[in-house]
Amino acid sequence: MNYILYTIDGCSKCHMARKHLLEENIPFLEINILKNPSAAIQLKKKMKEVIAPVLVSDDRIIVGSDILLMKGEIR
């Protein structure tokens, strides 16, 4: 499954989400929505708002601290 992690600079929850995904060996592409305005627009279309962190796959959207509940075997 392909995951995209939307983050912003200086966000402690984003840092924790990134660290957790790496520790669980869950592959993801990280996109900083402050540095990539078109990604922020895509995120707003999916969620009706722009927040971070958000983990998106083809069939799932996981927001904030819920990302920390993911385990490596759930891909």
PDB file of N, CA and C in Angstrom:
ATOM      1  N   MET A   1       0.846  -1.179   0.000  1.00  0.00           N
ATOM      2  CA  MET A   1       0.000   0.000   0.000  1.00  0.00           C
ATOM      3  C   MET A   1       0.891   1.241   0.000  1.00  0.00           C
ATOM      4  N   ASN A   2       0.527   2.237  -0.772  1.00  0.00           N
ATOM      5  CA  ASN A   2       1.284   3.471  -0.854  1.00  0.00           C
ATOM      6  C   ASN A   2       0.683   4.518   0.073  1.00  0.00           C
ATOM      7  N   TYR A   3       1.494   5.022   0.983  1.00  0.00           N
ATOM      8  CA  TYR A   3       1.057   6.049   1.922  1.00  0.00           C
ATOM      9  C   TYR A   3       1.738   7.369   1.612  1.00  0.00           C
ATOM     10  N   ILE A   4       0.999   8.456   1.801  1.00  0.00           N
ATOM     11  CA  ILE A   4       1.554   9.799   1.741  1.00  0.00           C
ATOM     12  C   ILE A   4       1.316  10.429   3.101  1.00  0.00           C
ATOM     13  N   LEU A   5       2.387  10.922   3.708  1.00  0.00           N
ATOM     14  CA  LEU A   5       2.305  11.613   4.985  1.00  0.00           C
ATOM     15  C   LEU A   5       2.428  13.101   4.718  1.00  0.00           C
ATOM     16  N   TYR A   6       1.361  13.841   4.974  1.00  0.00           N
ATOM     17  CA  TYR A   6       1.366  15.293   4.829  1.00  0.00           C
ATOM     18  C   TYR A   6       1.801  15.903   6.152  1.00  0.00           C
ATOM     19  N   THR A   7       2.830  16.746   6.099  1.00  0.00           N
ATOM     20  CA  THR A   7       3.396  17.348   7.311  1.00  0.00           C
ATOM     21  C   THR A   7       3.614  18.844   7.095  1.00  0.00           C
ATOM     22  N   ILE A   8       3.965  19.526   8.204  1.00  0.00           N
ATOM     23  CA  ILE A   8       4.424  20.916   8.145  1.00  0.00           C
ATOM     24  C   ILE A   8       5.652  21.044   9.040  1.00  0.00           C
ATOM     25  N   ASP A   9       6.459  22.042   8.759  1.00  0.00           N
ATOM     26  CA  ASP A   9       7.653  22.289   9.571  1.00  0.00           C
ATOM     27  C   ASP A   9       7.266  22.671  10.994  1.00  0.00           C
ATOM     28  N   GLY A  10       8.049  22.200  11.964  1.00  0.00           N
ATOM     29  CA  GLY A  10       7.858  22.590  13.358  1.00  0.00           C
ATOM     30  C   GLY A  10       6.685  21.935  14.063  1.00  0.00           C
ATOM     31  N   CYS A  11       6.101  20.940  13.469  1.00  0.00           N
ATOM     32  CA  CYS A  11       4.927  20.263  14.038  1.00  0.00           C
ATOM     33  C   CYS A  11       5.388  19.026  14.813  1.00  0.00           C
ATOM     34  N   SER A  12       5.184  19.035  16.128  1.00  0.00           N
ATOM     35  CA  SER A  12       5.635  17.900  16.941  1.00  0.00           C
ATOM     36  C   SER A  12       4.858  16.626  16.620  1.00  0.00           C
ATOM     37  N   LYS A  13       3.567  16.744  16.335  1.00  0.00           N
ATOM     38  CA  LYS A  13       2.787  15.554  15.957  1.00  0.00           C
ATOM     39  C   LYS A  13       3.275  14.981  14.636  1.00  0.00           C
ATOM     40  N   CYS A  14       3.673  15.851  13.717  1.00  0.00           N
ATOM     41  CA  CYS A  14       4.211  15.389  12.430  1.00  0.00           C
ATOM     42  C   CYS A  14       5.512  14.629  12.655  1.00  0.00           C
ATOM     43  N   HIS A  15       6.361  15.174  13.523  1.00  0.00           N
ATOM     44  CA  HIS A  15       7.632  14.513  13.836  1.00  0.00           C
ATOM     45  C   HIS A  15       7.381  13.136  14.454  1.00  0.00           C
ATOM     46  N   MET A  16       6.442  13.058  15.395  1.00  0.00           N
ATOM     47  CA  MET A  16       6.132  11.776  16.044  1.00  0.00           C
ATOM     48  C   MET A  16       5.549  10.786  15.034  1.00  0.00           C
ATOM     49  N   ALA A  17       4.698  11.251  14.132  1.00  0.00           N
ATOM     50  CA  ALA A  17       4.103  10.370  13.117  1.00  0.00           C
ATOM     51  C   ALA A  17       5.191   9.828  12.192  1.00  0.00           C
ATOM     52  N   ARG A  18       6.082  10.699  11.725  1.00  0.00           N
ATOM     53  CA  ARG A  18       7.184  10.272  10.850  1.00  0.00           C
ATOM     54  C   ARG A  18       8.049   9.234  11.553  1.00  0.00           C
ATOM     55  N   LYS A  19       8.422   9.520  12.797  1.00  0.00           N
ATOM     56  CA  LYS A  19       9.265   8.605  13.575  1.00  0.00           C
ATOM     57  C   LYS A  19       8.580   7.252  13.758  1.00  0.00           C
ATOM     58  N   HIS A  20       7.288   7.273  14.070  1.00  0.00           N
ATOM     59  CA  HIS A  20       6.536   6.029  14.285  1.00  0.00           C
ATOM     60  C   HIS A  20       6.485   5.186  13.004  1.00  0.00           C
ATOM     61  N   LEU A  21       6.191   5.813  11.877  1.00  0.00           N
ATOM     62  CA  LEU A  21       6.117   5.074  10.622  1.00  0.00           C
ATOM     63  C   LEU A  21       7.464   4.451  10.274  1.00  0.00           C
ATOM     64  N   LEU A  22       8.537   5.169  10.513  1.00  0.00           N
ATOM     65  CA  LEU A  22       9.872   4.622  10.257  1.00  0.00           C
ATOM     66  C   LEU A  22      10.168   3.440  11.179  1.00  0.00           C
ATOM     67  N   GLU A  23       9.825   3.570  12.465  1.00  0.00           N
ATOM     68  CA  GLU A  23      10.062   2.488  13.431  1.00  0.00           C
ATOM     69  C   GLU A  23       9.249   1.243  13.093  1.00  0.00           C
ATOM     70  N   GLU A  24       8.061   1.437  12.537  1.00  0.00           N
ATOM     71  CA  GLU A  24       7.184   0.310  12.188  1.00  0.00           C
ATOM     72  C   GLU A  24       7.456  -0.219  10.779  1.00  0.00           C
ATOM     73  N   ASN A  25       8.451   0.367  10.117  1.00  0.00           N
ATOM     74  CA  ASN A  25       8.803  -0.038   8.748  1.00  0.00           C
ATOM     75  C   ASN A  25       7.625   0.071   7.785  1.00  0.00           C
ATOM     76  N   ILE A  26       6.840   1.105   7.957  1.00  0.00           N
ATOM     77  CA  ILE A  26       5.718   1.377   7.063  1.00  0.00           C
ATOM     78  C   ILE A  26       6.207   2.383   6.026  1.00  0.00           C
ATOM     79  N   PRO A  27       6.300   1.980   4.765  1.00  0.00           N
ATOM     80  CA  PRO A  27       6.817   2.889   3.743  1.00  0.00           C
ATOM     81  C   PRO A  27       5.842   4.030   3.454  1.00  0.00           C
ATOM     82  N   PHE A  28       6.410   5.220   3.275  1.00  0.00           N
ATOM     83  CA  PHE A  28       5.579   6.387   3.000  1.00  0.00           C
ATOM     84  C   PHE A  28       6.392   7.435   2.253  1.00  0.00           C
ATOM     85  N   LEU A  29       5.680   8.302   1.576  1.00  0.00           N
ATOM     86  CA  LEU A  29       6.254   9.473   0.938  1.00  0.00           C
ATOM     87  C   LEU A  29       5.816  10.663   1.768  1.00  0.00           C
ATOM     88  N   GLU A  30       6.764  11.474   2.205  1.00  0.00           N
ATOM     89  CA  GLU A  30       6.422  12.647   3.016  1.00  0.00           C
ATOM     90  C   GLU A  30       6.335  13.876   2.134  1.00  0.00           C
ATOM     91  N   ILE A  31       5.257  14.632   2.317  1.00  0.00           N
ATOM     92  CA  ILE A  31       5.074  15.879   1.579  1.00  0.00           C
ATOM     93  C   ILE A  31       4.789  16.991   2.585  1.00  0.00           C
ATOM     94  N   ASN A  32       5.634  18.011   2.551  1.00  0.00           N
ATOM     95  CA  ASN A  32       5.465  19.174   3.412  1.00  0.00           C
ATOM     96  C   ASN A  32       4.513  20.134   2.707  1.00  0.00           C
ATOM     97  N   ILE A  33       3.354  20.362   3.297  1.00  0.00           N
ATOM     98  CA  ILE A  33       2.330  21.171   2.629  1.00  0.00           C
ATOM     99  C   ILE A  33       2.673  22.664   2.625  1.00  0.00           C
ATOM    100  N   LEU A  34       3.622  23.094   3.463  1.00  0.00           N
ATOM    101  CA  LEU A  34       4.057  24.494   3.414  1.00  0.00           C
ATOM    102  C   LEU A  34       5.005  24.731   2.240  1.00  0.00           C
ATOM    103  N   LYS A  35       5.753  23.707   1.882  1.00  0.00           N
ATOM    104  CA  LYS A  35       6.712  23.825   0.786  1.00  0.00           C
ATOM    105  C   LYS A  35       6.118  23.397  -0.553  1.00  0.00           C
ATOM    106  N   ASN A  36       4.943  22.762  -0.499  1.00  0.00           N
ATOM    107  CA  ASN A  36       4.302  22.272  -1.716  1.00  0.00           C
ATOM    108  C   ASN A  36       2.824  22.688  -1.706  1.00  0.00           C
ATOM    109  N   PRO A  37       2.545  23.923  -2.116  1.00  0.00           N
ATOM    110  CA  PRO A  37       1.165  24.426  -2.059  1.00  0.00           C
ATOM    111  C   PRO A  37       0.156  23.573  -2.831  1.00  0.00           C
ATOM    112  N   SER A  38       0.573  22.946  -3.919  1.00  0.00           N
ATOM    113  CA  SER A  38      -0.377  22.112  -4.662  1.00  0.00           C
ATOM    114  C   SER A  38      -0.796  20.895  -3.836  1.00  0.00           C
ATOM    115  N   ALA A  39       0.099  20.407  -2.975  1.00  0.00           N
ATOM    116  CA  ALA A  39      -0.255  19.293  -2.088  1.00  0.00           C
ATOM    117  C   ALA A  39      -1.303  19.740  -1.071  1.00  0.00           C
ATOM    118  N   ALA A  40      -1.188  20.972  -0.601  1.00  0.00           N
ATOM    119  CA  ALA A  40      -2.186  21.500   0.340  1.00  0.00           C
ATOM    120  C   ALA A  40      -3.555  21.571  -0.327  1.00  0.00           C
ATOM    121  N   ILE A  41      -3.578  21.925  -1.593  1.00  0.00           N
ATOM    122  CA  ILE A  41      -4.839  21.979  -2.337  1.00  0.00           C
ATOM    123  C   ILE A  41      -5.424  20.573  -2.486  1.00  0.00           C
ATOM    124  N   GLN A  42      -4.585  19.590  -2.798  1.00  0.00           N
ATOM    125  CA  GLN A  42      -5.042  18.202  -2.905  1.00  0.00           C
ATOM    126  C   GLN A  42      -5.607  17.713  -1.580  1.00  0.00           C
ATOM    127  N   LEU A  43      -4.919  18.041  -0.497  1.00  0.00           N
ATOM    128  CA  LEU A  43      -5.373  17.628   0.833  1.00  0.00           C
ATOM    129  C   LEU A  43      -6.717  18.261   1.163  1.00  0.00           C
ATOM    130  N   LYS A  44      -6.883  19.524   0.823  1.00  0.00           N
ATOM    131  CA  LYS A  44      -8.162  20.196   1.091  1.00  0.00           C
ATOM    132  C   LYS A  44      -9.298  19.543   0.310  1.00  0.00           C
ATOM    133  N   LYS A  45      -9.027  19.101  -0.917  1.00  0.00           N
ATOM    134  CA  LYS A  45     -10.059  18.418  -1.701  1.00  0.00           C
ATOM    135  C   LYS A  45     -10.469  17.104  -1.054  1.00  0.00           C
ATOM    136  N   LYS A  46      -9.505  16.395  -0.469  1.00  0.00           N
ATOM    137  CA  LYS A  46      -9.795  15.099   0.155  1.00  0.00           C
ATOM    138  C   LYS A  46     -10.498  15.244   1.497  1.00  0.00           C
ATOM    139  N   MET A  47     -10.093  16.258   2.286  1.00  0.00           N
ATOM    140  CA  MET A  47     -10.557  16.356   3.666  1.00  0.00           C
ATOM    141  C   MET A  47     -11.441  17.561   3.963  1.00  0.00           C
ATOM    142  N   LYS A  48     -11.549  18.475   3.028  1.00  0.00           N
ATOM    143  CA  LYS A  48     -12.312  19.722   3.209  1.00  0.00           C
ATOM    144  C   LYS A  48     -11.628  20.691   4.163  1.00  0.00           C
ATOM    145  N   GLU A  49     -10.377  20.392   4.554  1.00  0.00           N
ATOM    146  CA  GLU A  49      -9.576  21.287   5.382  1.00  0.00           C
ATOM    147  C   GLU A  49      -8.107  20.915   5.217  1.00  0.00           C
ATOM    148  N   VAL A  50      -7.237  21.794   5.659  1.00  0.00           N
ATOM    149  CA  VAL A  50      -5.808  21.529   5.579  1.00  0.00           C
ATOM    150  C   VAL A  50      -5.265  21.441   6.997  1.00  0.00           C
ATOM    151  N   ILE A  51      -4.872  20.231   7.391  1.00  0.00           N
ATOM    152  CA  ILE A  51      -4.306  19.986   8.708  1.00  0.00           C
ATOM    153  C   ILE A  51      -3.120  19.039   8.550  1.00  0.00           C
ATOM    154  N   ALA A  52      -2.353  18.912   9.610  1.00  0.00           N
ATOM    155  CA  ALA A  52      -1.210  17.995   9.582  1.00  0.00           C
ATOM    156  C   ALA A  52      -0.976  17.474  10.999  1.00  0.00           C
ATOM    157  N   PRO A  53      -0.493  16.261  11.142  1.00  0.00           N
ATOM    158  CA  PRO A  53      -0.172  15.319  10.088  1.00  0.00           C
ATOM    159  C   PRO A  53      -1.421  14.564   9.602  1.00  0.00           C
ATOM    160  N   VAL A  54      -1.346  14.163   8.358  1.00  0.00           N
ATOM    161  CA  VAL A  54      -2.380  13.333   7.757  1.00  0.00           C
ATOM    162  C   VAL A  54      -1.680  12.261   6.940  1.00  0.00           C
ATOM    163  N   LEU A  55      -2.117  11.016   7.118  1.00  0.00           N
ATOM    164  CA  LEU A  55      -1.584   9.899   6.353  1.00  0.00           C
ATOM    165  C   LEU A  55      -2.682   9.412   5.416  1.00  0.00           C
ATOM    166  N   VAL A  56      -2.384   9.406   4.128  1.00  0.00           N
ATOM    167  CA  VAL A  56      -3.389   9.077   3.121  1.00  0.00           C
ATOM    168  C   VAL A  56      -2.906   7.884   2.303  1.00  0.00           C
ATOM    169  N   SER A  57      -3.816   6.959   2.052  1.00  0.00           N
ATOM    170  CA  SER A  57      -3.567   5.875   1.104  1.00  0.00           C
ATOM    171  C   SER A  57      -4.726   5.872   0.120  1.00  0.00           C
ATOM    172  N   ASP A  58      -4.772   4.886  -0.729  1.00  0.00           N
ATOM    173  CA  ASP A  58      -5.846   4.816  -1.712  1.00  0.00           C
ATOM    174  C   ASP A  58      -7.227   4.759  -1.061  1.00  0.00           C
ATOM    175  N   ASP A  59      -7.318   4.075   0.074  1.00  0.00           N
ATOM    176  CA  ASP A  59      -8.630   3.862   0.685  1.00  0.00           C
ATOM    177  C   ASP A  59      -8.737   4.323   2.138  1.00  0.00           C
ATOM    178  N   ARG A  60      -7.713   4.988   2.655  1.00  0.00           N
ATOM    179  CA  ARG A  60      -7.734   5.404   4.066  1.00  0.00           C
ATOM    180  C   ARG A  60      -7.202   6.817   4.237  1.00  0.00           C
ATOM    181  N   ILE A  61      -7.746   7.514   5.232  1.00  0.00           N
ATOM    182  CA  ILE A  61      -7.218   8.802   5.663  1.00  0.00           C
ATOM    183  C   ILE A  61      -7.112   8.715   7.184  1.00  0.00           C
ATOM    184  N   ILE A  62      -5.900   8.880   7.690  1.00  0.00           N
ATOM    185  CA  ILE A  62      -5.650   8.787   9.128  1.00  0.00           C
ATOM    186  C   ILE A  62      -5.079  10.122   9.572  1.00  0.00           C
ATOM    187  N   VAL A  63      -5.660  10.699  10.616  1.00  0.00           N
ATOM    188  CA  VAL A  63      -5.327  12.056  11.033  1.00  0.00           C
ATOM    189  C   VAL A  63      -4.695  12.073  12.419  1.00  0.00           C
ATOM    190  N   GLY A  64      -3.691  12.920  12.573  1.00  0.00           N
ATOM    191  CA  GLY A  64      -3.104  13.223  13.872  1.00  0.00           C
ATOM    192  C   GLY A  64      -2.554  12.024  14.606  1.00  0.00           C
ATOM    193  N   SER A  65      -2.864  11.945  15.892  1.00  0.00           N
ATOM    194  CA  SER A  65      -2.325  10.907  16.770  1.00  0.00           C
ATOM    195  C   SER A  65      -2.778   9.503  16.398  1.00  0.00           C
ATOM    196  N   ASP A  66      -3.836   9.379  15.611  1.00  0.00           N
ATOM    197  CA  ASP A  66      -4.280   8.050  15.178  1.00  0.00           C
ATOM    198  C   ASP A  66      -3.221   7.347  14.334  1.00  0.00           C
ATOM    199  N   ILE A  67      -2.334   8.118  13.720  1.00  0.00           N
ATOM    200  CA  ILE A  67      -1.248   7.536  12.936  1.00  0.00           C
ATOM    201  C   ILE A  67      -0.361   6.671  13.841  1.00  0.00           C
ATOM    202  N   LEU A  68      -0.239   7.070  15.097  1.00  0.00           N
ATOM    203  CA  LEU A  68       0.618   6.347  16.044  1.00  0.00           C
ATOM    204  C   LEU A  68       0.058   4.976  16.408  1.00  0.00           C
ATOM    205  N   LEU A  69      -1.180   4.696  16.039  1.00  0.00           N
ATOM    206  CA  LEU A  69      -1.795   3.404  16.327  1.00  0.00           C
ATOM    207  C   LEU A  69      -1.494   2.368  15.248  1.00  0.00           C
ATOM    208  N   MET A  70      -0.939   2.813  14.135  1.00  0.00           N
ATOM    209  CA  MET A  70      -0.641   1.884  13.039  1.00  0.00           C
ATOM    210  C   MET A  70       0.506   0.956  13.428  1.00  0.00           C
ATOM    211  N   LYS A  71       0.380  -0.261  13.023  1.00  0.00           N
ATOM    212  CA  LYS A  71       1.432  -1.272  13.246  1.00  0.00           C
ATOM    213  C   LYS A  71       1.936  -1.747  11.899  1.00  0.00           C
ATOM    214  N   GLY A  72       3.179  -2.174  11.860  1.00  0.00           N
ATOM    215  CA  GLY A  72       3.817  -2.583  10.619  1.00  0.00           C
ATOM    216  C   GLY A  72       3.084  -3.672   9.867  1.00  0.00           C
ATOM    217  N   GLU A  73       2.409  -4.578  10.591  1.00  0.00           N
ATOM    218  CA  GLU A  73       1.738  -5.687   9.917  1.00  0.00           C
ATOM    219  C   GLU A  73       0.435  -5.264   9.246  1.00  0.00           C
ATOM    220  N   ILE A  74      -0.054  -4.049   9.517  1.00  0.00           N
ATOM    221  CA  ILE A  74      -1.303  -3.573   8.923  1.00  0.00           C
ATOM    222  C   ILE A  74      -0.959  -2.717   7.723  1.00  0.00           C
ATOM    223  N   ARG A  75      -0.759  -3.338   6.590  1.00  0.00           N
ATOM    224  CA  ARG A  75      -0.371  -2.560   5.401  1.00  0.00           C
ATOM    225  C   ARG A  75      -1.396  -2.694   4.356  1.00  0.00           C
TER     226      ARG A  75
END
